[in-house]
Amino acid sequence: MNLQRWSLRWNMEFSVSNLVFLVLINLFLLKETECALRIRDLVVPSVVQNGTKSSIVLDCDYEFEGPSAKDGLVVKWFFNNNPTPVYQWIVGKKPQAFGLFKSKLNLNYRASPDEAKTYRAMQIMNPTIELSGEYMCLVSNFETEKSEVKKMTVLVEQKKINLVVDGTIDNKTEKVTKIRINCEVDDVYPEPELSIKMDGKVLSSKVDKDQNDTTDLYNIDAFVVLDVKTLKSPTVSFDCQLTIPEANYTANEYENYELDIFTTTTEVASTTTTTDWPTTSTTTDLPTTSTTDFSTTTDQIETTTEPGSVEEQRDEGAEDAASGLNLLGLPLLLLITMSIASSFGSL
């Protein structure tokens, strides 16, 4: 009998406990529903080009349910995980800016006519590279708080990509044996990467990079040296590619080169080629055959001919014949004269 009473009493107490628990859960859920708060949209530009915008707006649009959700409503903005807010607005009061942002924000900017959302956003004037980083919007009331984070990058583009190709001439052969490709970019932000490509393929290059302590801008250069013998085509295309991963930014500079500029032209300008043909010696009574030494330069071809051409020997033969007649004719004339004189004497 006592056992039955104890069992009945325990069942009643357990049922009451369950009922109380369920009531508390329902009240809690009802309270949460009455003051429900959530961030609907966080608007932060991912990339802003330095010096091109007079102002940008970072907006934190939120919504809530229930009349008590406005109680103690506060909007705060944080920068780069710093626990101190750079902006704060308590509903019903004026917004405030702190630290670096104190001179950067327009505190009169209104994002909404709704009194519970009027100063939810930040208007940044003339954004510069020091404002690159992560921004967190935190909205809270007496019951709860919600937050979201987005990143913004202020981009400084290059003024120029310098791509230079030089040939290295061997002093002994006076021929181009190597080609140096150099690529250089100055004053960019954020941190860049640089690569050199030949006909679309990335070359293994040496890269040097440094950051200016005063301006925070980056300088970067890369170079690679190629052996001319490894080049398979007389026409080569070089590509210098600048990449800034944080800004999803890419820029290229292209150059096409004719390899004979470094080989044929240089050789013609500095090299003289001489070809000596074998000389054949022939003994004969006929006129001697001339022998030519072929000497080729970039200016002229000289031909050397030995004396004794056919026409010259004909003229010399005629002169010798006339000279021989003159020598024979003088004694004969004297002999005839003496004979005539002797005949007149005998008469």
C-alpha atoms as a PDB file:
ATOM      1  CA  MET A   1       0.000   0.000   0.000  1.00  0.00           C
ATOM      2  CA  ASN A   2       2.784   2.417   0.910  1.00  0.00           C
ATOM      3  CA  LEU A   3       4.619   1.430  -2.252  1.00  0.00           C
ATOM      4  CA  GLN A   4       1.652   2.368  -4.394  1.00  0.00           C
ATOM      5  CA  ARG A   5       1.287   5.752  -2.693  1.00  0.00           C
ATOM      6  CA  TRP A   6       4.989   6.491  -3.150  1.00  0.00           C
ATOM      7  CA  SER A   7       4.841   5.556  -6.824  1.00  0.00           C
ATOM      8  CA  LEU A   8       1.792   7.745  -7.425  1.00  0.00           C
ATOM      9  CA  ARG A   9       3.380  10.681  -5.630  1.00  0.00           C
ATOM     10  CA  TRP A  10       6.600  10.336  -7.654  1.00  0.00           C
ATOM     11  CA  ASN A  11       4.685  10.280 -10.907  1.00  0.00           C
ATOM     12  CA  MET A  12       2.795  13.436  -9.972  1.00  0.00           C
ATOM     13  CA  GLU A  13       5.984  15.287  -8.977  1.00  0.00           C
ATOM     14  CA  PHE A  14       7.721  14.204 -12.202  1.00  0.00           C
ATOM     15  CA  SER A  15       4.791  15.404 -14.282  1.00  0.00           C
ATOM     16  CA  VAL A  16       4.782  18.786 -12.542  1.00  0.00           C
ATOM     17  CA  SER A  17       8.547  19.156 -13.082  1.00  0.00           C
ATOM     18  CA  ASN A  18       8.165  18.413 -16.779  1.00  0.00           C
ATOM     19  CA  LEU A  19       5.359  20.901 -17.043  1.00  0.00           C
ATOM     20  CA  VAL A  20       7.399  23.656 -15.389  1.00  0.00           C
ATOM     21  CA  PHE A  21      10.351  22.911 -17.660  1.00  0.00           C
ATOM     22  CA  LEU A  22       8.220  23.099 -20.774  1.00  0.00           C
ATOM     23  CA  VAL A  23       6.701  26.396 -19.653  1.00  0.00           C
ATOM     24  CA  LEU A  24      10.151  27.913 -19.083  1.00  0.00           C
ATOM     25  CA  ILE A  25      11.319  26.777 -22.525  1.00  0.00           C
ATOM     26  CA  ASN A  26       8.278  28.324 -24.177  1.00  0.00           C
ATOM     27  CA  LEU A  27       8.775  31.597 -22.323  1.00  0.00           C
ATOM     28  CA  PHE A  28      12.423  31.711 -23.386  1.00  0.00           C
ATOM     29  CA  LEU A  29      11.567  31.050 -27.014  1.00  0.00           C
ATOM     30  CA  LEU A  30       8.840  33.654 -26.884  1.00  0.00           C
ATOM     31  CA  LYS A  31      11.309  36.176 -25.489  1.00  0.00           C
ATOM     32  CA  GLU A  32      13.805  35.370 -28.228  1.00  0.00           C
ATOM     33  CA  THR A  33      11.105  35.794 -30.852  1.00  0.00           C
ATOM     34  CA  GLU A  34      10.004  39.123 -29.437  1.00  0.00           C
ATOM     35  CA  CYS A  35      13.542  40.593 -29.607  1.00  0.00           C
ATOM     36  CA  ALA A  36      14.963  38.623 -32.585  1.00  0.00           C
ATOM     37  CA  LEU A  37      17.932  40.427 -34.166  1.00  0.00           C
ATOM     38  CA  ARG A  38      20.017  39.535 -37.192  1.00  0.00           C
ATOM     39  CA  ILE A  39      22.348  41.189 -39.716  1.00  0.00           C
ATOM     40  CA  ARG A  40      20.683  41.016 -43.104  1.00  0.00           C
ATOM     41  CA  ASP A  41      23.537  42.359 -45.257  1.00  0.00           C
ATOM     42  CA  LEU A  42      27.084  43.576 -44.657  1.00  0.00           C
ATOM     43  CA  VAL A  43      28.254  45.786 -47.541  1.00  0.00           C
ATOM     44  CA  VAL A  44      32.024  46.299 -47.713  1.00  0.00           C
ATOM     45  CA  PRO A  45      33.726  46.900 -51.103  1.00  0.00           C
ATOM     46  CA  SER A  46      36.306  44.179 -51.659  1.00  0.00           C
ATOM     47  CA  VAL A  47      38.687  46.367 -53.702  1.00  0.00           C
ATOM     48  CA  VAL A  48      38.997  50.148 -53.861  1.00  0.00           C
ATOM     49  CA  GLN A  49      41.512  51.800 -56.182  1.00  0.00           C
ATOM     50  CA  ASN A  50      43.653  54.312 -54.361  1.00  0.00           C
ATOM     51  CA  GLY A  51      42.967  57.947 -55.212  1.00  0.00           C
ATOM     52  CA  THR A  52      39.904  57.270 -57.379  1.00  0.00           C
ATOM     53  CA  LYS A  53      37.110  57.601 -54.792  1.00  0.00           C
ATOM     54  CA  SER A  54      36.213  60.708 -52.813  1.00  0.00           C
ATOM     55  CA  SER A  55      34.306  58.474 -50.381  1.00  0.00           C
ATOM     56  CA  ILE A  56      33.054  54.931 -49.848  1.00  0.00           C
ATOM     57  CA  VAL A  57      30.270  53.545 -47.636  1.00  0.00           C
ATOM     58  CA  LEU A  58      30.510  50.482 -45.413  1.00  0.00           C
ATOM     59  CA  ASP A  59      26.951  49.495 -44.521  1.00  0.00           C
ATOM     60  CA  CYS A  60      25.604  47.114 -41.904  1.00  0.00           C
ATOM     61  CA  ASP A  61      21.928  46.457 -42.595  1.00  0.00           C
ATOM     62  CA  TYR A  62      20.113  44.582 -39.837  1.00  0.00           C
ATOM     63  CA  GLU A  63      16.567  43.710 -38.855  1.00  0.00           C
ATOM     64  CA  PHE A  64      14.769  42.827 -35.626  1.00  0.00           C
ATOM     65  CA  GLU A  65      11.363  41.705 -34.347  1.00  0.00           C
ATOM     66  CA  GLY A  66       9.445  42.728 -31.261  1.00  0.00           C
ATOM     67  CA  PRO A  67       9.088  46.065 -29.500  1.00  0.00           C
ATOM     68  CA  SER A  68      11.845  45.330 -26.993  1.00  0.00           C
ATOM     69  CA  ALA A  69      14.506  44.732 -29.675  1.00  0.00           C
ATOM     70  CA  LYS A  70      15.255  48.459 -29.882  1.00  0.00           C
ATOM     71  CA  ASP A  71      16.070  48.606 -26.186  1.00  0.00           C
ATOM     72  CA  GLY A  72      19.792  49.159 -25.764  1.00  0.00           C
ATOM     73  CA  LEU A  73      20.449  48.915 -29.532  1.00  0.00           C
ATOM     74  CA  VAL A  74      24.106  49.685 -30.358  1.00  0.00           C
ATOM     75  CA  VAL A  75      26.054  49.495 -33.638  1.00  0.00           C
ATOM     76  CA  LYS A  76      29.847  49.148 -33.509  1.00  0.00           C
ATOM     77  CA  TRP A  77      32.502  48.796 -36.215  1.00  0.00           C
ATOM     78  CA  PHE A  78      35.894  47.162 -35.535  1.00  0.00           C
ATOM     79  CA  PHE A  79      39.055  47.201 -37.694  1.00  0.00           C
ATOM     80  CA  ASN A  80      41.642  44.411 -38.010  1.00  0.00           C
ATOM     81  CA  ASN A  81      40.601  42.522 -34.858  1.00  0.00           C
ATOM     82  CA  ASN A  82      41.289  45.502 -32.611  1.00  0.00           C
ATOM     83  CA  PRO A  83      39.102  45.200 -29.487  1.00  0.00           C
ATOM     84  CA  THR A  84      38.509  48.957 -29.479  1.00  0.00           C
ATOM     85  CA  PRO A  85      35.817  50.055 -31.959  1.00  0.00           C
ATOM     86  CA  VAL A  86      36.615  52.650 -34.626  1.00  0.00           C
ATOM     87  CA  TYR A  87      32.936  53.670 -34.836  1.00  0.00           C
ATOM     88  CA  GLN A  88      29.994  53.489 -32.433  1.00  0.00           C
ATOM     89  CA  TRP A  89      26.372  54.537 -32.552  1.00  0.00           C
ATOM     90  CA  ILE A  90      23.940  54.161 -29.667  1.00  0.00           C
ATOM     91  CA  VAL A  91      20.375  54.586 -30.886  1.00  0.00           C
ATOM     92  CA  GLY A  92      19.092  57.970 -29.780  1.00  0.00           C
ATOM     93  CA  LYS A  93      22.581  59.505 -29.561  1.00  0.00           C
ATOM     94  CA  LYS A  94      25.143  60.916 -32.005  1.00  0.00           C
ATOM     95  CA  PRO A  95      27.661  58.570 -33.653  1.00  0.00           C
ATOM     96  CA  GLN A  96      31.323  58.628 -32.637  1.00  0.00           C
ATOM     97  CA  ALA A  97      34.628  57.841 -34.391  1.00  0.00           C
ATOM     98  CA  PHE A  98      37.861  56.749 -32.707  1.00  0.00           C
ATOM     99  CA  GLY A  99      41.573  56.408 -33.470  1.00  0.00           C
ATOM    100  CA  LEU A 100      42.688  56.484 -37.091  1.00  0.00           C
ATOM    101  CA  PHE A 101      39.090  56.834 -38.283  1.00  0.00           C
ATOM    102  CA  LYS A 102      38.399  59.982 -36.289  1.00  0.00           C
ATOM    103  CA  SER A 103      39.647  62.124 -39.189  1.00  0.00           C
ATOM    104  CA  LYS A 104      38.403  59.769 -41.914  1.00  0.00           C
ATOM    105  CA  LEU A 105      34.640  59.504 -41.269  1.00  0.00           C
ATOM    106  CA  ASN A 106      31.679  61.691 -42.141  1.00  0.00           C
ATOM    107  CA  LEU A 107      29.584  61.408 -38.983  1.00  0.00           C
ATOM    108  CA  ASN A 108      26.629  63.172 -40.604  1.00  0.00           C
ATOM    109  CA  TYR A 109      26.046  60.394 -43.130  1.00  0.00           C
ATOM    110  CA  ARG A 110      22.558  58.818 -42.830  1.00  0.00           C
ATOM    111  CA  ALA A 111      22.007  55.324 -44.147  1.00  0.00           C
ATOM    112  CA  SER A 112      18.267  55.074 -43.403  1.00  0.00           C
ATOM    113  CA  PRO A 113      15.308  57.245 -42.362  1.00  0.00           C
ATOM    114  CA  ASP A 114      14.445  54.587 -39.770  1.00  0.00           C
ATOM    115  CA  GLU A 115      15.406  55.983 -36.359  1.00  0.00           C
ATOM    116  CA  ALA A 116      16.667  52.569 -35.299  1.00  0.00           C
ATOM    117  CA  LYS A 117      18.960  52.327 -38.367  1.00  0.00           C
ATOM    118  CA  THR A 118      19.893  55.931 -39.229  1.00  0.00           C
ATOM    119  CA  TYR A 119      23.636  55.838 -38.437  1.00  0.00           C
ATOM    120  CA  ARG A 120      24.320  52.149 -38.936  1.00  0.00           C
ATOM    121  CA  ALA A 121      26.894  52.784 -41.754  1.00  0.00           C
ATOM    122  CA  MET A 122      30.341  54.387 -41.989  1.00  0.00           C
ATOM    123  CA  GLN A 123      31.205  56.829 -44.777  1.00  0.00           C
ATOM    124  CA  ILE A 124      34.999  56.883 -45.251  1.00  0.00           C
ATOM    125  CA  MET A 125      36.422  59.951 -46.961  1.00  0.00           C
ATOM    126  CA  ASN A 126      39.310  59.586 -49.446  1.00  0.00           C
ATOM    127  CA  PRO A 127      40.256  55.978 -48.616  1.00  0.00           C
ATOM    128  CA  THR A 128      43.998  55.228 -48.649  1.00  0.00           C
ATOM    129  CA  ILE A 129      46.098  52.086 -48.255  1.00  0.00           C
ATOM    130  CA  GLU A 130      46.270  52.241 -44.445  1.00  0.00           C
ATOM    131  CA  LEU A 131      42.535  51.478 -44.428  1.00  0.00           C
ATOM    132  CA  SER A 132      43.038  48.081 -46.069  1.00  0.00           C
ATOM    133  CA  GLY A 133      41.995  45.272 -43.759  1.00  0.00           C
ATOM    134  CA  GLU A 134      39.120  43.415 -42.091  1.00  0.00           C
ATOM    135  CA  TYR A 135      35.986  45.219 -40.926  1.00  0.00           C
ATOM    136  CA  MET A 136      33.555  43.746 -38.410  1.00  0.00           C
ATOM    137  CA  CYS A 137      30.066  45.091 -37.758  1.00  0.00           C
ATOM    138  CA  LEU A 138      28.571  44.203 -34.373  1.00  0.00           C
ATOM    139  CA  VAL A 139      24.917  44.947 -33.572  1.00  0.00           C
ATOM    140  CA  SER A 140      23.652  44.337 -30.041  1.00  0.00           C
ATOM    141  CA  ASN A 141      20.763  45.041 -27.671  1.00  0.00           C
ATOM    142  CA  PHE A 142      20.040  44.075 -24.082  1.00  0.00           C
ATOM    143  CA  GLU A 143      19.222  40.515 -25.095  1.00  0.00           C
ATOM    144  CA  THR A 144      21.662  39.472 -27.836  1.00  0.00           C
ATOM    145  CA  GLU A 145      24.362  40.508 -30.309  1.00  0.00           C
ATOM    146  CA  LYS A 146      25.211  39.614 -33.903  1.00  0.00           C
ATOM    147  CA  SER A 147      28.358  40.247 -35.956  1.00  0.00           C
ATOM    148  CA  GLU A 148      29.804  39.725 -39.435  1.00  0.00           C
ATOM    149  CA  VAL A 149      33.236  40.349 -40.983  1.00  0.00           C
ATOM    150  CA  LYS A 150      34.402  41.349 -44.476  1.00  0.00           C
ATOM    151  CA  LYS A 151      37.727  42.435 -45.942  1.00  0.00           C
ATOM    152  CA  MET A 152      38.532  45.546 -47.981  1.00  0.00           C
ATOM    153  CA  THR A 153      41.713  46.155 -49.989  1.00  0.00           C
ATOM    154  CA  VAL A 154      42.858  49.571 -51.176  1.00  0.00           C
ATOM    155  CA  LEU A 155      44.779  48.926 -54.397  1.00  0.00           C
ATOM    156  CA  VAL A 156      47.684  50.978 -55.750  1.00  0.00           C
ATOM    157  CA  GLU A 157      48.250  50.004 -59.387  1.00  0.00           C
ATOM    158  CA  GLN A 158      51.589  50.168 -61.166  1.00  0.00           C
ATOM    159  CA  LYS A 159      52.430  53.164 -63.319  1.00  0.00           C
ATOM    160  CA  LYS A 160      54.474  51.019 -65.675  1.00  0.00           C
ATOM    161  CA  ILE A 161      55.860  47.509 -66.114  1.00  0.00           C
ATOM    162  CA  ASN A 162      59.456  47.726 -67.347  1.00  0.00           C
ATOM    163  CA  LEU A 163      60.425  44.765 -69.544  1.00  0.00           C
ATOM    164  CA  VAL A 164      63.974  44.785 -70.976  1.00  0.00           C
ATOM    165  CA  VAL A 165      65.779  42.132 -73.053  1.00  0.00           C
ATOM    166  CA  ASP A 166      69.571  42.295 -73.569  1.00  0.00           C
ATOM    167  CA  GLY A 167      71.962  40.036 -75.463  1.00  0.00           C
ATOM    168  CA  THR A 168      75.342  39.042 -73.983  1.00  0.00           C
ATOM    169  CA  ILE A 169      78.166  38.890 -76.566  1.00  0.00           C
ATOM    170  CA  ASP A 170      81.063  36.468 -76.127  1.00  0.00           C
ATOM    171  CA  ASN A 171      84.366  38.369 -76.483  1.00  0.00           C
ATOM    172  CA  LYS A 172      86.110  35.513 -78.287  1.00  0.00           C
ATOM    173  CA  THR A 173      83.463  34.577 -80.818  1.00  0.00           C
ATOM    174  CA  GLU A 174      81.824  38.015 -80.945  1.00  0.00           C
ATOM    175  CA  LYS A 175      78.464  36.263 -81.004  1.00  0.00           C
ATOM    176  CA  VAL A 176      75.440  36.563 -78.731  1.00  0.00           C
ATOM    177  CA  THR A 177      75.407  33.490 -76.514  1.00  0.00           C
ATOM    178  CA  LYS A 178      72.941  34.459 -73.773  1.00  0.00           C
ATOM    179  CA  ILE A 179      69.833  36.608 -73.409  1.00  0.00           C
ATOM    180  CA  ARG A 180      68.844  38.339 -70.144  1.00  0.00           C
ATOM    181  CA  ILE A 181      65.176  39.198 -69.552  1.00  0.00           C
ATOM    182  CA  ASN A 182      64.557  41.710 -66.767  1.00  0.00           C
ATOM    183  CA  CYS A 183      61.153  42.818 -65.427  1.00  0.00           C
ATOM    184  CA  GLU A 184      60.628  45.585 -62.861  1.00  0.00           C
ATOM    185  CA  VAL A 185      57.618  47.212 -61.150  1.00  0.00           C
ATOM    186  CA  ASP A 186      57.680  50.014 -58.568  1.00  0.00           C
ATOM    187  CA  ASP A 187      55.240  51.500 -56.030  1.00  0.00           C
ATOM    188  CA  VAL A 188      52.339  49.041 -55.849  1.00  0.00           C
ATOM    189  CA  TYR A 189      50.115  47.846 -52.992  1.00  0.00           C
ATOM    190  CA  PRO A 190      49.355  45.370 -51.482  1.00  0.00           C
ATOM    191  CA  GLU A 191      52.141  42.789 -51.770  1.00  0.00           C
ATOM    192  CA  PRO A 192      52.751  41.814 -55.417  1.00  0.00           C
ATOM    193  CA  GLU A 193      54.098  38.784 -57.255  1.00  0.00           C
ATOM    194  CA  LEU A 194      56.063  38.861 -60.518  1.00  0.00           C
ATOM    195  CA  SER A 195      56.733  36.172 -63.128  1.00  0.00           C
ATOM    196  CA  ILE A 196      58.380  35.972 -66.558  1.00  0.00           C
ATOM    197  CA  LYS A 197      56.961  33.786 -69.322  1.00  0.00           C
ATOM    198  CA  MET A 198      58.355  32.718 -72.699  1.00  0.00           C
ATOM    199  CA  ASP A 199      55.788  31.661 -75.280  1.00  0.00           C
ATOM    200  CA  GLY A 200      53.241  31.207 -72.495  1.00  0.00           C
ATOM    201  CA  LYS A 201      55.431  29.060 -70.226  1.00  0.00           C
ATOM    202  CA  VAL A 202      56.593  30.352 -66.839  1.00  0.00           C
ATOM    203  CA  LEU A 203      60.383  30.584 -66.550  1.00  0.00           C
ATOM    204  CA  SER A 204      62.315  29.970 -63.353  1.00  0.00           C
ATOM    205  CA  SER A 205      63.392  33.483 -62.415  1.00  0.00           C
ATOM    206  CA  LYS A 206      65.057  35.200 -59.475  1.00  0.00           C
ATOM    207  CA  VAL A 207      62.738  37.668 -57.703  1.00  0.00           C
ATOM    208  CA  ASP A 208      63.670  40.506 -55.329  1.00  0.00           C
ATOM    209  CA  LYS A 209      61.045  42.442 -53.364  1.00  0.00           C
ATOM    210  CA  ASP A 210      61.069  45.222 -50.765  1.00  0.00           C
ATOM    211  CA  GLN A 211      58.592  47.534 -49.020  1.00  0.00           C
ATOM    212  CA  ASN A 212      59.130  51.253 -48.458  1.00  0.00           C
ATOM    213  CA  ASP A 213      59.060  52.046 -44.734  1.00  0.00           C
ATOM    214  CA  THR A 214      57.561  55.481 -45.351  1.00  0.00           C
ATOM    215  CA  THR A 215      54.915  54.848 -48.006  1.00  0.00           C
ATOM    216  CA  ASP A 216      54.302  51.096 -47.418  1.00  0.00           C
ATOM    217  CA  LEU A 217      54.442  50.635 -51.204  1.00  0.00           C
ATOM    218  CA  TYR A 218      56.203  47.638 -52.738  1.00  0.00           C
ATOM    219  CA  ASN A 219      58.985  47.439 -55.341  1.00  0.00           C
ATOM    220  CA  ILE A 220      59.643  44.156 -57.120  1.00  0.00           C
ATOM    221  CA  ASP A 221      61.886  42.902 -59.934  1.00  0.00           C
ATOM    222  CA  ALA A 222      62.611  39.565 -61.571  1.00  0.00           C
ATOM    223  CA  PHE A 223      65.167  38.363 -64.109  1.00  0.00           C
ATOM    224  CA  VAL A 224      66.173  35.224 -65.971  1.00  0.00           C
ATOM    225  CA  VAL A 225      69.141  34.387 -68.237  1.00  0.00           C
ATOM    226  CA  LEU A 226      68.656  32.062 -71.225  1.00  0.00           C
ATOM    227  CA  ASP A 227      71.196  30.258 -73.389  1.00  0.00           C
ATOM    228  CA  VAL A 228      70.563  31.058 -77.058  1.00  0.00           C
ATOM    229  CA  LYS A 229      71.114  27.394 -77.946  1.00  0.00           C
ATOM    230  CA  THR A 230      68.026  26.393 -75.949  1.00  0.00           C
ATOM    231  CA  LEU A 231      65.699  28.585 -78.022  1.00  0.00           C
ATOM    232  CA  LYS A 232      63.759  26.598 -80.610  1.00  0.00           C
ATOM    233  CA  SER A 233      62.280  29.426 -82.665  1.00  0.00           C
ATOM    234  CA  PRO A 234      63.747  32.571 -84.244  1.00  0.00           C
ATOM    235  CA  THR A 235      60.761  34.533 -82.903  1.00  0.00           C
ATOM    236  CA  VAL A 236      60.222  34.516 -79.138  1.00  0.00           C
ATOM    237  CA  SER A 237      57.426  36.137 -77.118  1.00  0.00           C
ATOM    238  CA  PHE A 238      58.208  37.311 -73.580  1.00  0.00           C
ATOM    239  CA  ASP A 239      55.548  38.167 -71.004  1.00  0.00           C
ATOM    240  CA  CYS A 240      56.073  39.938 -67.680  1.00  0.00           C
ATOM    241  CA  GLN A 241      53.074  39.280 -65.418  1.00  0.00           C
ATOM    242  CA  LEU A 242      52.295  41.293 -62.285  1.00  0.00           C
ATOM    243  CA  THR A 243      49.858  39.713 -59.814  1.00  0.00           C
ATOM    244  CA  ILE A 244      48.403  41.123 -56.573  1.00  0.00           C
ATOM    245  CA  PRO A 245      46.536  38.182 -54.993  1.00  0.00           C
ATOM    246  CA  GLU A 246      44.757  40.154 -52.251  1.00  0.00           C
ATOM    247  CA  ALA A 247      43.141  42.410 -54.830  1.00  0.00           C
ATOM    248  CA  ASN A 248      42.625  39.692 -57.463  1.00  0.00           C
ATOM    249  CA  TYR A 249      44.591  41.967 -59.803  1.00  0.00           C
ATOM    250  CA  THR A 250      46.727  41.022 -62.816  1.00  0.00           C
ATOM    251  CA  ALA A 251      48.624  43.120 -65.374  1.00  0.00           C
ATOM    252  CA  ASN A 252      50.916  42.068 -68.239  1.00  0.00           C
ATOM    253  CA  GLU A 253      53.594  43.540 -70.476  1.00  0.00           C
ATOM    254  CA  TYR A 254      54.433  41.707 -73.729  1.00  0.00           C
ATOM    255  CA  GLU A 255      57.407  41.877 -76.096  1.00  0.00           C
ATOM    256  CA  ASN A 256      58.147  39.894 -79.270  1.00  0.00           C
ATOM    257  CA  TYR A 257      61.785  39.458 -80.306  1.00  0.00           C
ATOM    258  CA  GLU A 258      63.451  38.277 -83.491  1.00  0.00           C
ATOM    259  CA  LEU A 259      66.514  36.273 -82.510  1.00  0.00           C
ATOM    260  CA  ASP A 260      68.463  37.171 -85.677  1.00  0.00           C
ATOM    261  CA  ILE A 261      68.685  40.688 -84.244  1.00  0.00           C
ATOM    262  CA  PHE A 262      71.178  39.269 -81.776  1.00  0.00           C
ATOM    263  CA  THR A 263      73.036  36.898 -84.152  1.00  0.00           C
ATOM    264  CA  THR A 264      73.077  37.686 -87.871  1.00  0.00           C
ATOM    265  CA  THR A 265      73.114  41.462 -87.578  1.00  0.00           C
ATOM    266  CA  THR A 266      75.853  41.490 -84.988  1.00  0.00           C
ATOM    267  CA  GLU A 267      78.049  39.114 -86.970  1.00  0.00           C
ATOM    268  CA  VAL A 268      77.724  41.048 -90.218  1.00  0.00           C
ATOM    269  CA  ALA A 269      78.655  44.260 -88.466  1.00  0.00           C
ATOM    270  CA  SER A 270      81.823  42.873 -86.898  1.00  0.00           C
ATOM    271  CA  THR A 271      83.034  39.849 -88.905  1.00  0.00           C
ATOM    272  CA  THR A 272      85.037  39.610 -92.178  1.00  0.00           C
ATOM    273  CA  THR A 273      84.981  36.272 -94.006  1.00  0.00           C
ATOM    274  CA  THR A 274      87.891  35.398 -96.350  1.00  0.00           C
ATOM    275  CA  THR A 275      87.890  32.421 -98.703  1.00  0.00           C
ATOM    276  CA  ASP A 276      91.167  31.400-100.429  1.00  0.00           C
ATOM    277  CA  TRP A 277      90.773  29.101-103.410  1.00  0.00           C
ATOM    278  CA  PRO A 278      93.664  26.677-104.333  1.00  0.00           C
ATOM    279  CA  THR A 279      96.049  28.110-106.948  1.00  0.00           C
ATOM    280  CA  THR A 280      97.103  25.848-109.862  1.00  0.00           C
ATOM    281  CA  SER A 281     100.570  26.482-111.338  1.00  0.00           C
ATOM    282  CA  THR A 282     100.833  25.708-115.096  1.00  0.00           C
ATOM    283  CA  THR A 283     103.922  26.092-117.406  1.00  0.00           C
ATOM    284  CA  THR A 284     103.084  26.757-121.051  1.00  0.00           C
ATOM    285  CA  ASP A 285     104.007  28.988-123.979  1.00  0.00           C
ATOM    286  CA  LEU A 286     100.460  30.186-124.170  1.00  0.00           C
ATOM    287  CA  PRO A 287      99.357  33.221-122.121  1.00  0.00           C
ATOM    288  CA  THR A 288      99.288  32.497-118.408  1.00  0.00           C
ATOM    289  CA  THR A 289      95.828  31.865-116.875  1.00  0.00           C
ATOM    290  CA  SER A 290      94.974  34.465-114.225  1.00  0.00           C
ATOM    291  CA  THR A 291      94.314  33.402-110.605  1.00  0.00           C
ATOM    292  CA  THR A 292      91.700  35.182-108.445  1.00  0.00           C
ATOM    293  CA  ASP A 293      91.816  35.471-104.648  1.00  0.00           C
ATOM    294  CA  PHE A 294      88.192  35.770-103.395  1.00  0.00           C
ATOM    295  CA  SER A 295      88.092  38.120-100.417  1.00  0.00           C
ATOM    296  CA  THR A 296      84.570  38.860 -99.139  1.00  0.00           C
ATOM    297  CA  THR A 297      83.775  41.628 -96.683  1.00  0.00           C
ATOM    298  CA  THR A 298      80.617  43.549 -95.805  1.00  0.00           C
ATOM    299  CA  ASP A 299      81.836  46.454 -98.012  1.00  0.00           C
ATOM    300  CA  GLN A 300      83.205  44.997-101.265  1.00  0.00           C
ATOM    301  CA  ILE A 301      84.632  41.966-103.142  1.00  0.00           C
ATOM    302  CA  GLU A 302      88.209  42.492-104.390  1.00  0.00           C
ATOM    303  CA  THR A 303      89.556  40.567-107.398  1.00  0.00           C
ATOM    304  CA  THR A 304      93.335  40.377-108.041  1.00  0.00           C
ATOM    305  CA  THR A 305      94.494  39.417-111.568  1.00  0.00           C
ATOM    306  CA  GLU A 306      98.127  38.562-112.458  1.00  0.00           C
ATOM    307  CA  PRO A 307      99.772  40.204-115.535  1.00  0.00           C
ATOM    308  CA  GLY A 308      99.493  38.345-118.805  1.00  0.00           C
ATOM    309  CA  SER A 309      95.918  38.538-119.971  1.00  0.00           C
ATOM    310  CA  VAL A 310      95.229  37.446-123.601  1.00  0.00           C
ATOM    311  CA  GLU A 311      94.742  40.971-125.003  1.00  0.00           C
ATOM    312  CA  GLU A 312      97.859  42.343-123.287  1.00  0.00           C
ATOM    313  CA  GLN A 313     100.023  39.511-124.671  1.00  0.00           C
ATOM    314  CA  ARG A 314      98.719  40.119-128.213  1.00  0.00           C
ATOM    315  CA  ASP A 315      99.732  43.791-128.051  1.00  0.00           C
ATOM    316  CA  GLU A 316     103.133  42.921-126.624  1.00  0.00           C
ATOM    317  CA  GLY A 317     103.718  40.359-129.434  1.00  0.00           C
ATOM    318  CA  ALA A 318     102.998  42.972-132.128  1.00  0.00           C
ATOM    319  CA  GLU A 319     105.355  45.449-130.516  1.00  0.00           C
ATOM    320  CA  ASP A 320     108.143  42.838-130.323  1.00  0.00           C
ATOM    321  CA  ALA A 321     107.688  41.966-134.016  1.00  0.00           C
ATOM    322  CA  ALA A 322     107.976  45.600-135.075  1.00  0.00           C
ATOM    323  CA  SER A 323     111.026  46.039-132.902  1.00  0.00           C
ATOM    324  CA  GLY A 324     112.675  42.985-134.549  1.00  0.00           C
ATOM    325  CA  LEU A 325     112.107  44.379-138.070  1.00  0.00           C
ATOM    326  CA  ASN A 326     113.658  47.673-137.118  1.00  0.00           C
ATOM    327  CA  LEU A 327     116.810  45.959-135.861  1.00  0.00           C
ATOM    328  CA  LEU A 328     117.210  43.861-139.086  1.00  0.00           C
ATOM    329  CA  GLY A 329     116.466  46.751-141.504  1.00  0.00           C
ATOM    330  CA  LEU A 330     119.364  49.083-140.512  1.00  0.00           C
ATOM    331  CA  PRO A 331     122.313  46.785-141.489  1.00  0.00           C
ATOM    332  CA  LEU A 332     120.603  45.893-144.778  1.00  0.00           C
ATOM    333  CA  LEU A 333     120.195  49.559-145.664  1.00  0.00           C
ATOM    334  CA  LEU A 334     123.937  50.207-145.057  1.00  0.00           C
ATOM    335  CA  LEU A 335     124.887  47.245-147.245  1.00  0.00           C
ATOM    336  CA  ILE A 336     122.764  48.501-150.170  1.00  0.00           C
ATOM    337  CA  THR A 337     124.233  52.011-149.879  1.00  0.00           C
ATOM    338  CA  MET A 338     127.837  50.729-149.979  1.00  0.00           C
ATOM    339  CA  SER A 339     127.079  48.596-153.070  1.00  0.00           C
ATOM    340  CA  ILE A 340     125.682  51.585-154.996  1.00  0.00           C
ATOM    341  CA  ALA A 341     128.701  53.725-154.116  1.00  0.00           C
ATOM    342  CA  SER A 342     131.080  51.028-155.357  1.00  0.00           C
ATOM    343  CA  SER A 343     129.261  50.865-158.705  1.00  0.00           C
ATOM    344  CA  PHE A 344     129.609  54.614-159.269  1.00  0.00           C
ATOM    345  CA  GLY A 345     133.324  54.451-158.502  1.00  0.00           C
ATOM    346  CA  SER A 346     134.030  51.853-161.173  1.00  0.00           C
ATOM    347  CA  LEU A 347     132.357  54.052-163.782  1.00  0.00           C
END
